[in-house]
Amino acid sequence: MGNTIFTWAAIASTLVTATTFTSTFGPLMVSKVGLQLLRCVGATELCLLALLLLCMRAMGLSPRSRPLGFAIGLGMMAAIDCTESIVTMLQLAATPAVQSAFEACSALTLGIWLAYSALPEPARKTVTVPVNSAIYKWDQIASALGHKGTQVAVQPSPSFFLVDVEKVVERAFTRTLKSKESES
């Protein structure tokens, strides 16, 4: 799902940037195209952050995990860059207060990164995946190549009907034996 969404986002960003080529000629064309690319990359980073926040439980991440902290910092930097590019594109006068706000957000981003680096990361939980999952196959390949430390637990394969019947018969047989032993 993520690949499909961000493939379309990349195509849309490329088209938006290409339209900048056709609408602007002259000495400012390079700077306008660069600002457009900066906004497109920032928007893509913010979309990736949103996807990460929506899927973090499914990926086994907690709010205290380092990857999430660094992603939040990168998202803040992308938001700052997008805002700065919009201010530049609209040719608004950047007052010292606006510049101070941008610098404060950059300092806050560095503070978030330092805090997530200093805090201990929570213990990772094992992820249970089906046997036919692509993640499990990649984990097997990584293990075969010598990478250690994976924590993938495999769900038991769906039980076969005869195996279930055999278990039921075995339990019934055990109960029958126990009842006969208690009678004698």
N, C-alpha and C. Protein backbone atom coordinates (compact mmCIF):
# COMPACT_ATOMS: atom_id res chain seq x y z
N MET A 1 0.82 -1.18 0.00
CA MET A 1 0.00 0.00 0.00
C MET A 1 0.87 1.25 0.00
N GLY A 2 1.89 1.25 0.82
CA GLY A 2 2.79 2.40 0.90
C GLY A 2 3.52 2.64 -0.41
N ASN A 3 3.98 1.55 -1.05
CA ASN A 3 4.66 1.71 -2.34
C ASN A 3 3.76 2.34 -3.37
N THR A 4 2.53 1.91 -3.44
CA THR A 4 1.60 2.45 -4.42
C THR A 4 1.31 3.93 -4.16
N ILE A 5 1.05 4.25 -2.91
CA ILE A 5 0.74 5.64 -2.56
C ILE A 5 1.91 6.56 -2.90
N PHE A 6 3.12 6.16 -2.53
CA PHE A 6 4.23 7.07 -2.73
C PHE A 6 4.78 7.03 -4.15
N THR A 7 4.46 6.01 -4.91
CA THR A 7 4.77 6.05 -6.34
C THR A 7 3.93 7.12 -7.00
N TRP A 8 2.64 7.15 -6.67
CA TRP A 8 1.77 8.19 -7.22
C TRP A 8 2.17 9.57 -6.70
N ALA A 9 2.59 9.67 -5.46
CA ALA A 9 3.04 10.96 -4.93
C ALA A 9 4.28 11.44 -5.66
N ALA A 10 5.19 10.52 -5.98
CA ALA A 10 6.40 10.90 -6.72
C ALA A 10 6.05 11.35 -8.13
N ILE A 11 5.11 10.66 -8.77
CA ILE A 11 4.69 11.06 -10.12
C ILE A 11 4.05 12.44 -10.08
N ALA A 12 3.18 12.67 -9.09
CA ALA A 12 2.53 13.98 -8.97
C ALA A 12 3.55 15.07 -8.70
N SER A 13 4.53 14.79 -7.84
CA SER A 13 5.57 15.79 -7.55
C SER A 13 6.38 16.12 -8.79
N THR A 14 6.69 15.09 -9.58
CA THR A 14 7.44 15.32 -10.82
C THR A 14 6.63 16.16 -11.80
N LEU A 15 5.34 15.87 -11.90
CA LEU A 15 4.49 16.65 -12.80
C LEU A 15 4.37 18.10 -12.34
N VAL A 16 4.23 18.32 -11.04
CA VAL A 16 4.14 19.68 -10.52
C VAL A 16 5.43 20.44 -10.79
N THR A 17 6.56 19.76 -10.60
CA THR A 17 7.85 20.41 -10.86
C THR A 17 8.03 20.67 -12.35
N ALA A 18 7.58 19.75 -13.20
CA ALA A 18 7.69 19.94 -14.65
C ALA A 18 6.86 21.12 -15.12
N THR A 19 5.72 21.36 -14.47
CA THR A 19 4.92 22.52 -14.87
C THR A 19 5.63 23.82 -14.52
N THR A 20 6.50 23.79 -13.55
CA THR A 20 7.28 24.98 -13.21
C THR A 20 8.23 25.32 -14.36
N PHE A 21 8.77 24.31 -15.03
CA PHE A 21 9.65 24.55 -16.18
C PHE A 21 8.92 25.31 -17.28
N THR A 22 7.67 24.95 -17.51
CA THR A 22 6.94 25.56 -18.62
C THR A 22 6.39 26.94 -18.28
N SER A 23 6.21 27.24 -17.00
CA SER A 23 5.60 28.52 -16.64
C SER A 23 6.61 29.62 -16.35
N THR A 24 7.86 29.28 -16.15
CA THR A 24 8.84 30.28 -15.75
C THR A 24 10.08 30.18 -16.63
N PHE A 25 10.42 31.30 -17.22
CA PHE A 25 11.68 31.39 -17.96
C PHE A 25 12.43 32.60 -17.45
N GLY A 26 13.73 32.55 -17.53
CA GLY A 26 14.52 33.69 -17.10
C GLY A 26 15.50 33.31 -16.02
N PRO A 27 16.06 34.32 -15.40
CA PRO A 27 17.12 34.06 -14.41
C PRO A 27 16.60 33.42 -13.12
N LEU A 28 15.33 33.57 -12.81
CA LEU A 28 14.80 33.00 -11.57
C LEU A 28 14.26 31.59 -11.75
N MET A 29 14.36 31.03 -12.95
CA MET A 29 13.79 29.71 -13.21
C MET A 29 14.43 28.63 -12.34
N VAL A 30 15.73 28.66 -12.20
CA VAL A 30 16.43 27.63 -11.42
C VAL A 30 16.02 27.70 -9.95
N SER A 31 15.93 28.89 -9.41
CA SER A 31 15.55 29.00 -7.99
C SER A 31 14.09 28.59 -7.78
N LYS A 32 13.20 28.92 -8.73
CA LYS A 32 11.80 28.52 -8.57
C LYS A 32 11.63 27.01 -8.70
N VAL A 33 12.37 26.40 -9.61
CA VAL A 33 12.31 24.94 -9.75
C VAL A 33 12.87 24.29 -8.48
N GLY A 34 13.95 24.82 -7.95
CA GLY A 34 14.52 24.28 -6.71
C GLY A 34 13.55 24.39 -5.54
N LEU A 35 12.87 25.53 -5.43
CA LEU A 35 11.89 25.70 -4.36
C LEU A 35 10.72 24.74 -4.54
N GLN A 36 10.32 24.53 -5.79
CA GLN A 36 9.23 23.59 -6.06
C GLN A 36 9.63 22.17 -5.68
N LEU A 37 10.85 21.79 -6.04
CA LEU A 37 11.35 20.47 -5.65
C LEU A 37 11.43 20.32 -4.14
N LEU A 38 11.86 21.39 -3.46
CA LEU A 38 11.94 21.37 -2.00
C LEU A 38 10.57 21.14 -1.38
N ARG A 39 9.54 21.80 -1.92
CA ARG A 39 8.19 21.60 -1.40
C ARG A 39 7.70 20.18 -1.68
N CYS A 40 8.00 19.65 -2.87
CA CYS A 40 7.55 18.29 -3.20
C CYS A 40 8.22 17.25 -2.30
N VAL A 41 9.52 17.40 -2.07
CA VAL A 41 10.22 16.48 -1.18
C VAL A 41 9.70 16.60 0.24
N GLY A 42 9.45 17.82 0.69
CA GLY A 42 8.90 18.02 2.03
C GLY A 42 7.53 17.40 2.19
N ALA A 43 6.70 17.55 1.16
CA ALA A 43 5.37 16.94 1.22
C ALA A 43 5.47 15.42 1.26
N THR A 44 6.40 14.86 0.50
CA THR A 44 6.58 13.41 0.52
C THR A 44 7.07 12.94 1.89
N GLU A 45 7.99 13.68 2.49
CA GLU A 45 8.47 13.33 3.83
C GLU A 45 7.34 13.39 4.85
N LEU A 46 6.49 14.39 4.75
CA LEU A 46 5.36 14.49 5.68
C LEU A 46 4.37 13.35 5.46
N CYS A 47 4.18 12.93 4.21
CA CYS A 47 3.30 11.78 3.94
C CYS A 47 3.90 10.50 4.52
N LEU A 48 5.21 10.34 4.40
CA LEU A 48 5.86 9.16 4.99
C LEU A 48 5.73 9.16 6.50
N LEU A 49 5.86 10.34 7.11
CA LEU A 49 5.69 10.44 8.56
C LEU A 49 4.26 10.08 8.96
N ALA A 50 3.29 10.54 8.18
CA ALA A 50 1.89 10.20 8.47
C ALA A 50 1.66 8.70 8.35
N LEU A 51 2.24 8.09 7.33
CA LEU A 51 2.12 6.63 7.17
C LEU A 51 2.77 5.91 8.35
N LEU A 52 3.92 6.39 8.78
CA LEU A 52 4.60 5.78 9.92
C LEU A 52 3.75 5.90 11.18
N LEU A 53 3.16 7.06 11.40
CA LEU A 53 2.34 7.25 12.59
C LEU A 53 1.08 6.37 12.55
N LEU A 54 0.52 6.19 11.36
CA LEU A 54 -0.67 5.35 11.24
C LEU A 54 -0.36 3.87 11.41
N CYS A 55 0.83 3.45 10.98
CA CYS A 55 1.16 2.02 10.96
C CYS A 55 2.17 1.62 12.03
N MET A 56 2.47 2.50 12.97
CA MET A 56 3.55 2.18 13.91
C MET A 56 3.21 1.00 14.81
N ARG A 57 1.95 0.83 15.18
CA ARG A 57 1.58 -0.32 16.01
C ARG A 57 1.73 -1.61 15.24
N ALA A 58 1.36 -1.60 13.96
CA ALA A 58 1.48 -2.80 13.14
C ALA A 58 2.93 -3.18 12.91
N MET A 59 3.82 -2.18 12.93
CA MET A 59 5.25 -2.45 12.74
C MET A 59 5.97 -2.75 14.05
N GLY A 60 5.25 -2.69 15.16
CA GLY A 60 5.86 -3.01 16.45
C GLY A 60 6.64 -1.85 17.05
N LEU A 61 6.35 -0.61 16.64
CA LEU A 61 7.04 0.55 17.19
C LEU A 61 6.20 1.17 18.30
N SER A 62 6.87 1.65 19.32
CA SER A 62 6.18 2.36 20.39
C SER A 62 6.48 3.86 20.23
N PRO A 63 5.74 4.72 20.91
CA PRO A 63 6.01 6.16 20.80
C PRO A 63 7.40 6.55 21.30
N ARG A 64 8.05 5.68 22.07
CA ARG A 64 9.40 5.98 22.58
C ARG A 64 10.51 5.42 21.70
N SER A 65 10.19 4.78 20.60
CA SER A 65 11.23 4.15 19.78
C SER A 65 12.02 5.21 19.00
N ARG A 66 13.29 4.95 18.84
CA ARG A 66 14.18 5.90 18.16
C ARG A 66 13.81 6.15 16.70
N PRO A 67 13.46 5.13 15.93
CA PRO A 67 13.08 5.43 14.54
C PRO A 67 11.92 6.42 14.45
N LEU A 68 10.96 6.30 15.35
CA LEU A 68 9.85 7.23 15.34
C LEU A 68 10.31 8.64 15.73
N GLY A 69 11.20 8.74 16.71
CA GLY A 69 11.71 10.05 17.11
C GLY A 69 12.47 10.75 16.00
N PHE A 70 13.31 10.00 15.30
CA PHE A 70 14.05 10.61 14.20
C PHE A 70 13.12 10.98 13.05
N ALA A 71 12.09 10.18 12.83
CA ALA A 71 11.12 10.50 11.79
C ALA A 71 10.34 11.76 12.14
N ILE A 72 9.98 11.93 13.41
CA ILE A 72 9.29 13.15 13.83
C ILE A 72 10.18 14.36 13.62
N GLY A 73 11.46 14.23 13.95
CA GLY A 73 12.40 15.32 13.71
C GLY A 73 12.53 15.67 12.23
N LEU A 74 12.63 14.64 11.39
CA LEU A 74 12.71 14.89 9.95
C LEU A 74 11.42 15.51 9.43
N GLY A 75 10.28 15.10 9.98
CA GLY A 75 9.01 15.69 9.59
C GLY A 75 8.93 17.16 9.96
N MET A 76 9.44 17.49 11.15
CA MET A 76 9.47 18.90 11.54
C MET A 76 10.38 19.71 10.63
N MET A 77 11.53 19.14 10.28
CA MET A 77 12.43 19.84 9.36
C MET A 77 11.77 20.03 8.00
N ALA A 78 11.03 19.01 7.53
CA ALA A 78 10.34 19.13 6.25
C ALA A 78 9.26 20.20 6.31
N ALA A 79 8.54 20.27 7.43
CA ALA A 79 7.51 21.30 7.58
C ALA A 79 8.14 22.69 7.59
N ILE A 80 9.27 22.83 8.26
CA ILE A 80 9.97 24.11 8.28
C ILE A 80 10.43 24.49 6.87
N ASP A 81 11.02 23.53 6.15
CA ASP A 81 11.49 23.79 4.79
C ASP A 81 10.35 24.16 3.86
N CYS A 82 9.22 23.45 3.98
CA CYS A 82 8.05 23.78 3.15
C CYS A 82 7.55 25.19 3.45
N THR A 83 7.49 25.54 4.72
CA THR A 83 7.04 26.88 5.10
C THR A 83 7.99 27.94 4.58
N GLU A 84 9.29 27.69 4.72
CA GLU A 84 10.27 28.66 4.21
C GLU A 84 10.19 28.80 2.70
N SER A 85 9.98 27.70 1.98
CA SER A 85 9.89 27.79 0.53
C SER A 85 8.63 28.53 0.09
N ILE A 86 7.54 28.37 0.84
CA ILE A 86 6.31 29.10 0.52
C ILE A 86 6.51 30.59 0.77
N VAL A 87 7.16 30.93 1.88
CA VAL A 87 7.44 32.34 2.18
C VAL A 87 8.32 32.94 1.08
N THR A 88 9.32 32.19 0.63
CA THR A 88 10.21 32.67 -0.42
C THR A 88 9.48 32.78 -1.75
N MET A 89 8.65 31.79 -2.07
CA MET A 89 7.92 31.78 -3.34
C MET A 89 6.94 32.96 -3.43
N LEU A 90 6.28 33.25 -2.31
CA LEU A 90 5.34 34.37 -2.30
C LEU A 90 6.03 35.72 -2.18
N GLN A 91 7.33 35.71 -2.05
CA GLN A 91 8.17 36.91 -1.94
C GLN A 91 7.71 37.80 -0.79
N LEU A 92 7.38 37.16 0.32
CA LEU A 92 7.04 37.90 1.53
C LEU A 92 8.31 38.32 2.23
N ALA A 93 8.24 39.45 2.89
CA ALA A 93 9.40 39.92 3.63
C ALA A 93 9.54 39.08 4.90
N ALA A 94 10.65 38.39 5.02
CA ALA A 94 10.90 37.56 6.20
C ALA A 94 11.39 38.46 7.33
N THR A 95 10.51 38.73 8.27
CA THR A 95 10.85 39.59 9.39
C THR A 95 11.76 38.83 10.35
N PRO A 96 12.45 39.55 11.20
CA PRO A 96 13.29 38.85 12.18
C PRO A 96 12.50 37.90 13.08
N ALA A 97 11.26 38.22 13.36
CA ALA A 97 10.44 37.32 14.19
C ALA A 97 10.17 36.01 13.47
N VAL A 98 9.89 36.08 12.16
CA VAL A 98 9.65 34.87 11.37
C VAL A 98 10.92 34.04 11.29
N GLN A 99 12.05 34.70 11.05
CA GLN A 99 13.33 33.99 11.00
C GLN A 99 13.65 33.35 12.35
N SER A 100 13.34 34.04 13.45
CA SER A 100 13.57 33.48 14.79
C SER A 100 12.68 32.26 15.02
N ALA A 101 11.44 32.31 14.53
CA ALA A 101 10.54 31.16 14.68
C ALA A 101 11.09 29.96 13.91
N PHE A 102 11.61 30.19 12.69
CA PHE A 102 12.20 29.09 11.92
C PHE A 102 13.41 28.50 12.65
N GLU A 103 14.25 29.36 13.20
CA GLU A 103 15.44 28.89 13.93
C GLU A 103 15.03 28.16 15.21
N ALA A 104 14.00 28.63 15.89
CA ALA A 104 13.53 27.96 17.11
C ALA A 104 13.00 26.57 16.78
N CYS A 105 12.29 26.43 15.65
CA CYS A 105 11.79 25.11 15.24
C CYS A 105 12.95 24.18 14.90
N SER A 106 13.99 24.72 14.28
CA SER A 106 15.17 23.89 13.99
C SER A 106 15.85 23.44 15.27
N ALA A 107 15.95 24.35 16.25
CA ALA A 107 16.54 23.98 17.54
C ALA A 107 15.67 22.95 18.26
N LEU A 108 14.34 23.09 18.15
CA LEU A 108 13.43 22.12 18.76
C LEU A 108 13.61 20.74 18.12
N THR A 109 13.82 20.72 16.81
CA THR A 109 14.07 19.45 16.12
C THR A 109 15.34 18.79 16.65
N LEU A 110 16.39 19.56 16.80
CA LEU A 110 17.63 19.01 17.36
C LEU A 110 17.42 18.51 18.78
N GLY A 111 16.60 19.24 19.56
CA GLY A 111 16.29 18.80 20.92
C GLY A 111 15.54 17.47 20.94
N ILE A 112 14.61 17.31 19.99
CA ILE A 112 13.86 16.04 19.89
C ILE A 112 14.82 14.91 19.56
N TRP A 113 15.72 15.14 18.62
CA TRP A 113 16.68 14.10 18.25
C TRP A 113 17.58 13.75 19.43
N LEU A 114 18.04 14.75 20.17
CA LEU A 114 18.88 14.48 21.34
C LEU A 114 18.11 13.71 22.41
N ALA A 115 16.86 14.10 22.63
CA ALA A 115 16.06 13.41 23.66
C ALA A 115 15.83 11.96 23.28
N TYR A 116 15.48 11.69 22.02
CA TYR A 116 15.25 10.31 21.61
C TYR A 116 16.56 9.51 21.62
N SER A 117 17.68 10.18 21.39
CA SER A 117 18.97 9.48 21.44
C SER A 117 19.36 9.15 22.88
N ALA A 118 19.02 10.04 23.82
CA ALA A 118 19.42 9.84 25.21
C ALA A 118 18.51 8.85 25.94
N LEU A 119 17.23 8.82 25.61
CA LEU A 119 16.31 7.92 26.30
C LEU A 119 16.56 6.47 25.91
N PRO A 120 16.43 5.56 26.85
CA PRO A 120 16.59 4.15 26.49
C PRO A 120 15.43 3.70 25.60
N GLU A 121 15.78 2.94 24.60
CA GLU A 121 14.75 2.44 23.69
C GLU A 121 14.03 1.27 24.34
N PRO A 122 12.70 1.20 24.21
CA PRO A 122 11.98 0.09 24.82
C PRO A 122 12.34 -1.23 24.15
N ALA A 123 12.18 -2.31 24.91
CA ALA A 123 12.48 -3.63 24.37
C ALA A 123 11.54 -3.92 23.21
N ARG A 124 12.10 -4.48 22.17
CA ARG A 124 11.28 -4.78 21.00
C ARG A 124 10.51 -6.07 21.22
N LYS A 125 9.30 -6.08 20.71
CA LYS A 125 8.46 -7.25 20.81
C LYS A 125 8.62 -8.10 19.56
N THR A 126 8.46 -9.38 19.73
CA THR A 126 8.52 -10.24 18.56
C THR A 126 7.24 -10.05 17.74
N VAL A 127 7.40 -10.12 16.45
CA VAL A 127 6.29 -9.96 15.54
C VAL A 127 5.91 -11.33 15.01
N THR A 128 4.65 -11.65 15.09
CA THR A 128 4.16 -12.93 14.59
C THR A 128 3.66 -12.74 13.17
N VAL A 129 4.23 -13.51 12.25
CA VAL A 129 3.84 -13.40 10.83
C VAL A 129 3.48 -14.78 10.31
N PRO A 130 2.64 -14.84 9.27
CA PRO A 130 2.32 -16.14 8.69
C PRO A 130 3.55 -16.75 8.00
N VAL A 131 3.53 -18.05 7.83
CA VAL A 131 4.67 -18.76 7.23
C VAL A 131 4.90 -18.31 5.79
N ASN A 132 3.85 -17.98 5.07
CA ASN A 132 4.02 -17.60 3.67
C ASN A 132 4.25 -16.10 3.50
N SER A 133 4.55 -15.37 4.56
CA SER A 133 4.77 -13.93 4.51
C SER A 133 6.11 -13.60 3.87
N ALA A 134 6.15 -12.49 3.15
CA ALA A 134 7.40 -12.04 2.52
C ALA A 134 8.42 -11.65 3.58
N ILE A 135 7.96 -11.10 4.71
CA ILE A 135 8.87 -10.71 5.79
C ILE A 135 9.59 -11.94 6.34
N TYR A 136 8.85 -13.02 6.51
CA TYR A 136 9.46 -14.25 7.02
C TYR A 136 10.49 -14.79 6.03
N LYS A 137 10.18 -14.72 4.74
CA LYS A 137 11.14 -15.19 3.73
C LYS A 137 12.40 -14.35 3.75
N TRP A 138 12.24 -13.01 3.85
CA TRP A 138 13.42 -12.14 3.93
C TRP A 138 14.22 -12.41 5.20
N ASP A 139 13.52 -12.72 6.29
CA ASP A 139 14.20 -13.04 7.53
C ASP A 139 15.02 -14.33 7.39
N GLN A 140 14.47 -15.32 6.68
CA GLN A 140 15.21 -16.56 6.44
C GLN A 140 16.44 -16.29 5.58
N ILE A 141 16.30 -15.45 4.57
CA ILE A 141 17.44 -15.11 3.71
C ILE A 141 18.51 -14.40 4.52
N ALA A 142 18.10 -13.45 5.37
CA ALA A 142 19.07 -12.73 6.20
C ALA A 142 19.77 -13.67 7.17
N SER A 143 19.03 -14.60 7.74
CA SER A 143 19.64 -15.58 8.66
C SER A 143 20.63 -16.48 7.92
N ALA A 144 20.29 -16.85 6.69
CA ALA A 144 21.20 -17.69 5.89
C ALA A 144 22.48 -16.94 5.53
N LEU A 145 22.38 -15.62 5.41
CA LEU A 145 23.56 -14.81 5.08
C LEU A 145 24.39 -14.46 6.31
N GLY A 146 23.93 -14.89 7.49
CA GLY A 146 24.74 -14.70 8.70
C GLY A 146 24.28 -13.58 9.60
N HIS A 147 23.17 -12.91 9.31
CA HIS A 147 22.68 -11.85 10.18
C HIS A 147 21.95 -12.48 11.35
N LYS A 148 22.29 -12.05 12.54
CA LYS A 148 21.69 -12.61 13.75
C LYS A 148 20.80 -11.57 14.41
N GLY A 149 20.00 -12.01 15.36
CA GLY A 149 19.22 -11.10 16.18
C GLY A 149 17.83 -10.82 15.68
N THR A 150 17.35 -11.60 14.75
CA THR A 150 15.98 -11.37 14.29
C THR A 150 15.01 -11.90 15.33
N GLN A 151 13.83 -11.28 15.40
CA GLN A 151 12.83 -11.67 16.38
C GLN A 151 11.49 -11.89 15.69
N VAL A 152 11.45 -12.75 14.73
CA VAL A 152 10.21 -13.04 14.02
C VAL A 152 9.67 -14.37 14.50
N ALA A 153 8.47 -14.36 15.02
CA ALA A 153 7.81 -15.60 15.42
C ALA A 153 6.84 -15.99 14.32
N VAL A 154 6.75 -17.25 14.06
CA VAL A 154 5.91 -17.73 12.96
C VAL A 154 4.60 -18.26 13.52
N GLN A 155 3.50 -17.84 12.88
CA GLN A 155 2.20 -18.39 13.27
C GLN A 155 2.15 -19.85 12.85
N PRO A 156 1.51 -20.67 13.63
CA PRO A 156 1.37 -22.06 13.20
C PRO A 156 0.55 -22.10 11.92
N SER A 157 0.95 -22.99 11.04
CA SER A 157 0.21 -23.11 9.78
C SER A 157 -1.19 -23.61 10.07
N PRO A 158 -2.12 -23.26 9.19
CA PRO A 158 -3.49 -23.72 9.43
C PRO A 158 -3.52 -25.24 9.53
N SER A 159 -4.19 -25.71 10.58
CA SER A 159 -4.15 -27.14 10.83
C SER A 159 -4.97 -27.89 9.78
N PHE A 160 -4.49 -29.04 9.48
CA PHE A 160 -5.13 -29.91 8.51
C PHE A 160 -6.28 -30.63 9.21
N PHE A 161 -7.36 -30.90 8.50
CA PHE A 161 -8.56 -31.49 9.10
C PHE A 161 -8.27 -32.81 9.80
N LEU A 162 -7.49 -33.67 9.16
CA LEU A 162 -7.23 -34.99 9.75
C LEU A 162 -6.39 -34.88 11.02
N VAL A 163 -5.52 -33.88 11.09
CA VAL A 163 -4.73 -33.68 12.30
C VAL A 163 -5.66 -33.30 13.44
N ASP A 164 -6.64 -32.44 13.17
CA ASP A 164 -7.61 -32.07 14.21
C ASP A 164 -8.42 -33.27 14.66
N VAL A 165 -8.85 -34.08 13.72
CA VAL A 165 -9.62 -35.28 14.04
C VAL A 165 -8.77 -36.22 14.89
N GLU A 166 -7.50 -36.34 14.51
CA GLU A 166 -6.60 -37.22 15.26
C GLU A 166 -6.45 -36.73 16.70
N LYS A 167 -6.36 -35.43 16.92
CA LYS A 167 -6.24 -34.89 18.27
C LYS A 167 -7.50 -35.16 19.09
N VAL A 168 -8.66 -35.01 18.47
CA VAL A 168 -9.93 -35.27 19.16
C VAL A 168 -10.01 -36.74 19.56
N VAL A 169 -9.64 -37.63 18.64
CA VAL A 169 -9.67 -39.07 18.93
C VAL A 169 -8.69 -39.40 20.05
N GLU A 170 -7.51 -38.78 20.02
CA GLU A 170 -6.50 -39.02 21.06
C GLU A 170 -7.02 -38.58 22.43
N ARG A 171 -7.66 -37.43 22.51
CA ARG A 171 -8.22 -36.97 23.79
C ARG A 171 -9.33 -37.89 24.27
N ALA A 172 -10.20 -38.31 23.35
CA ALA A 172 -11.28 -39.23 23.73
C ALA A 172 -10.70 -40.55 24.23
N PHE A 173 -9.67 -41.05 23.57
CA PHE A 173 -9.03 -42.30 23.97
C PHE A 173 -8.41 -42.15 25.36
N THR A 174 -7.76 -41.00 25.61
CA THR A 174 -7.14 -40.76 26.92
C THR A 174 -8.19 -40.71 28.01
N ARG A 175 -9.32 -40.03 27.76
CA ARG A 175 -10.39 -39.96 28.75
C ARG A 175 -10.97 -41.35 29.03
N THR A 176 -11.13 -42.15 27.99
CA THR A 176 -11.68 -43.49 28.15
C THR A 176 -10.76 -44.34 29.01
N LEU A 177 -9.44 -44.23 28.75
CA LEU A 177 -8.47 -45.00 29.55
C LEU A 177 -8.50 -44.55 31.01
N LYS A 178 -8.58 -43.24 31.23
CA LYS A 178 -8.60 -42.73 32.61
C LYS A 178 -9.86 -43.18 33.34
N SER A 179 -10.98 -43.17 32.64
CA SER A 179 -12.23 -43.60 33.31
C SER A 179 -12.21 -45.09 33.61
N LYS A 180 -11.60 -45.91 32.75
CA LYS A 180 -11.52 -47.34 33.00
C LYS A 180 -10.57 -47.63 34.15
N GLU A 181 -9.48 -46.85 34.24
CA GLU A 181 -8.54 -47.04 35.34
C GLU A 181 -9.17 -46.64 36.67
N SER A 182 -10.00 -45.60 36.65
CA SER A 182 -10.62 -45.18 37.91
C SER A 182 -11.70 -46.17 38.38
N GLU A 183 -12.31 -46.91 37.43
CA GLU A 183 -13.30 -47.90 37.79
C GLU A 183 -12.68 -49.14 38.41
N SER A 184 -11.46 -49.45 38.01
CA SER A 184 -10.85 -50.70 38.53
C SER A 184 -10.05 -50.47 39.75
